[in-house]
Amino acid sequence: MKKNSTAALLALTVSSVLAGAATPAMAASAAQTEKCYGVSLKGKNDCKAGAGTSCAGTAKMDYQGNAWKMVPAGTCVTLKSPTSATGFGQLDAFKEKA
């Protein structure tokens, strides 16, 4: 019985340490990305509509101006977006050009 308790305690300790280490890594990763509007393909956007809801994967068209994708920070305005007035991704939602 003692052997099982020791193994369970060890597993709990290891999982706690790993969970604590993952949190700062996830925060750093989020800080190194930005929302980029108008670069996702149909059904491939990363959008979220608020707590408890999600609209990920709901873009109705390629390069939709109000659908965003998380991209590495600083790269958004270099990504192709034929529906954008500049031809590149935007940091804010936009109305697609005709």
C-alpha atoms as a PDB file:
ATOM      1  CA  MET A   1       0.000   0.000   0.000  1.00  0.00           C
ATOM      2  CA  LYS A   2       2.815   2.408   0.862  1.00  0.00           C
ATOM      3  CA  LYS A   3       4.417   1.862  -2.555  1.00  0.00           C
ATOM      4  CA  ASN A   4       1.187   2.908  -4.325  1.00  0.00           C
ATOM      5  CA  SER A   5       0.855   6.040  -2.180  1.00  0.00           C
ATOM      6  CA  THR A   6       4.453   7.043  -2.895  1.00  0.00           C
ATOM      7  CA  ALA A   7       3.976   6.580  -6.642  1.00  0.00           C
ATOM      8  CA  ALA A   8       0.766   8.624  -6.573  1.00  0.00           C
ATOM      9  CA  LEU A   9       2.438  11.409  -4.588  1.00  0.00           C
ATOM     10  CA  LEU A  10       5.376  11.462  -7.001  1.00  0.00           C
ATOM     11  CA  ALA A  11       3.032  11.621 -10.019  1.00  0.00           C
ATOM     12  CA  LEU A  12       1.070  14.478  -8.443  1.00  0.00           C
ATOM     13  CA  THR A  13       4.248  16.421  -7.671  1.00  0.00           C
ATOM     14  CA  VAL A  14       5.621  16.000 -11.191  1.00  0.00           C
ATOM     15  CA  SER A  15       2.325  17.048 -12.800  1.00  0.00           C
ATOM     16  CA  SER A  16       2.114  20.125 -10.562  1.00  0.00           C
ATOM     17  CA  VAL A  17       5.626  21.198 -11.517  1.00  0.00           C
ATOM     18  CA  LEU A  18       4.915  20.692 -15.222  1.00  0.00           C
ATOM     19  CA  ALA A  19       1.636  22.627 -15.038  1.00  0.00           C
ATOM     20  CA  GLY A  20       3.366  25.515 -13.277  1.00  0.00           C
ATOM     21  CA  ALA A  21       6.110  25.602 -15.890  1.00  0.00           C
ATOM     22  CA  ALA A  22       3.643  25.637 -18.792  1.00  0.00           C
ATOM     23  CA  THR A  23       1.765  28.733 -17.619  1.00  0.00           C
ATOM     24  CA  PRO A  24       4.621  31.265 -18.115  1.00  0.00           C
ATOM     25  CA  ALA A  25       5.494  29.649 -21.451  1.00  0.00           C
ATOM     26  CA  MET A  26       1.914  30.071 -22.690  1.00  0.00           C
ATOM     27  CA  ALA A  27       1.867  33.707 -21.536  1.00  0.00           C
ATOM     28  CA  ALA A  28       5.145  34.414 -23.324  1.00  0.00           C
ATOM     29  CA  SER A  29       3.827  32.761 -26.469  1.00  0.00           C
ATOM     30  CA  ALA A  30       0.682  34.915 -26.419  1.00  0.00           C
ATOM     31  CA  ALA A  31       2.810  38.057 -26.010  1.00  0.00           C
ATOM     32  CA  GLN A  32       4.755  37.125 -29.142  1.00  0.00           C
ATOM     33  CA  THR A  33       1.662  36.903 -31.338  1.00  0.00           C
ATOM     34  CA  GLU A  34      -0.959  39.320 -32.581  1.00  0.00           C
ATOM     35  CA  LYS A  35      -4.415  39.199 -34.110  1.00  0.00           C
ATOM     36  CA  CYS A  36      -4.247  39.667 -37.863  1.00  0.00           C
ATOM     37  CA  TYR A  37      -7.457  40.456 -39.722  1.00  0.00           C
ATOM     38  CA  GLY A  38      -8.111  39.471 -43.308  1.00  0.00           C
ATOM     39  CA  VAL A  39      -5.518  36.708 -43.662  1.00  0.00           C
ATOM     40  CA  SER A  40      -7.425  33.560 -42.717  1.00  0.00           C
ATOM     41  CA  LEU A  41      -8.987  31.232 -45.222  1.00  0.00           C
ATOM     42  CA  LYS A  42     -12.648  30.205 -45.203  1.00  0.00           C
ATOM     43  CA  GLY A  43     -13.375  28.247 -42.024  1.00  0.00           C
ATOM     44  CA  LYS A  44      -9.811  28.625 -40.682  1.00  0.00           C
ATOM     45  CA  ASN A  45     -10.053  31.771 -38.512  1.00  0.00           C
ATOM     46  CA  ASP A  46      -9.106  31.883 -34.803  1.00  0.00           C
ATOM     47  CA  CYS A  47     -11.802  34.339 -33.727  1.00  0.00           C
ATOM     48  CA  LYS A  48     -13.434  34.174 -30.299  1.00  0.00           C
ATOM     49  CA  ALA A  49     -16.726  35.893 -29.561  1.00  0.00           C
ATOM     50  CA  GLY A  50     -16.412  36.195 -25.771  1.00  0.00           C
ATOM     51  CA  ALA A  51     -16.396  34.147 -22.604  1.00  0.00           C
ATOM     52  CA  GLY A  52     -18.020  30.760 -23.034  1.00  0.00           C
ATOM     53  CA  THR A  53     -18.452  31.208 -26.785  1.00  0.00           C
ATOM     54  CA  SER A  54     -16.321  30.685 -29.844  1.00  0.00           C
ATOM     55  CA  CYS A  55     -16.583  31.528 -33.483  1.00  0.00           C
ATOM     56  CA  ALA A  56     -13.349  29.818 -34.471  1.00  0.00           C
ATOM     57  CA  GLY A  57     -13.638  28.312 -37.926  1.00  0.00           C
ATOM     58  CA  THR A  58     -16.674  30.360 -38.955  1.00  0.00           C
ATOM     59  CA  ALA A  59     -15.177  32.657 -41.612  1.00  0.00           C
ATOM     60  CA  LYS A  60     -17.540  32.524 -44.592  1.00  0.00           C
ATOM     61  CA  MET A  61     -14.908  33.524 -47.156  1.00  0.00           C
ATOM     62  CA  ASP A  62     -11.163  33.643 -47.700  1.00  0.00           C
ATOM     63  CA  TYR A  63      -9.524  36.838 -46.376  1.00  0.00           C
ATOM     64  CA  GLN A  64     -12.678  38.011 -44.544  1.00  0.00           C
ATOM     65  CA  GLY A  65     -12.047  41.461 -43.062  1.00  0.00           C
ATOM     66  CA  ASN A  66     -13.561  40.805 -39.628  1.00  0.00           C
ATOM     67  CA  ALA A  67     -12.042  37.327 -39.147  1.00  0.00           C
ATOM     68  CA  TRP A  68      -8.621  37.074 -37.572  1.00  0.00           C
ATOM     69  CA  LYS A  69      -5.804  34.600 -37.170  1.00  0.00           C
ATOM     70  CA  MET A  70      -3.050  34.686 -34.541  1.00  0.00           C
ATOM     71  CA  VAL A  71       0.306  35.295 -36.242  1.00  0.00           C
ATOM     72  CA  PRO A  72       3.838  35.994 -34.987  1.00  0.00           C
ATOM     73  CA  ALA A  73       4.094  39.585 -33.707  1.00  0.00           C
ATOM     74  CA  GLY A  74       5.230  42.028 -36.359  1.00  0.00           C
ATOM     75  CA  THR A  75       4.275  39.862 -39.347  1.00  0.00           C
ATOM     76  CA  CYS A  76       0.608  40.742 -39.837  1.00  0.00           C
ATOM     77  CA  VAL A  77       1.080  43.682 -42.189  1.00  0.00           C
ATOM     78  CA  THR A  78       3.389  41.589 -44.399  1.00  0.00           C
ATOM     79  CA  LEU A  79       0.868  38.795 -45.021  1.00  0.00           C
ATOM     80  CA  LYS A  80      -1.204  38.681 -48.224  1.00  0.00           C
ATOM     81  CA  SER A  81      -4.817  39.888 -47.987  1.00  0.00           C
ATOM     82  CA  PRO A  82      -6.379  40.632 -51.381  1.00  0.00           C
ATOM     83  CA  THR A  83      -9.546  41.982 -49.728  1.00  0.00           C
ATOM     84  CA  SER A  84      -7.649  44.648 -47.745  1.00  0.00           C
ATOM     85  CA  ALA A  85      -7.182  48.176 -49.101  1.00  0.00           C
ATOM     86  CA  THR A  86      -3.412  47.740 -48.681  1.00  0.00           C
ATOM     87  CA  GLY A  87      -3.285  44.161 -49.975  1.00  0.00           C
ATOM     88  CA  PHE A  88      -1.900  43.010 -46.625  1.00  0.00           C
ATOM     89  CA  GLY A  89      -3.246  41.853 -43.254  1.00  0.00           C
ATOM     90  CA  GLN A  90      -4.515  44.486 -40.849  1.00  0.00           C
ATOM     91  CA  LEU A  91      -4.298  44.846 -37.058  1.00  0.00           C
ATOM     92  CA  ASP A  92      -7.967  45.946 -36.945  1.00  0.00           C
ATOM     93  CA  ALA A  93     -11.104  44.567 -38.599  1.00  0.00           C
ATOM     94  CA  PHE A  94     -11.948  46.152 -41.947  1.00  0.00           C
ATOM     95  CA  LYS A  95     -14.607  46.146 -44.663  1.00  0.00           C
ATOM     96  CA  GLU A  96     -13.446  44.082 -47.627  1.00  0.00           C
ATOM     97  CA  LYS A  97     -12.792  46.019 -50.842  1.00  0.00           C
ATOM     98  CA  ALA A  98     -15.003  45.204 -53.816  1.00  0.00           C
END
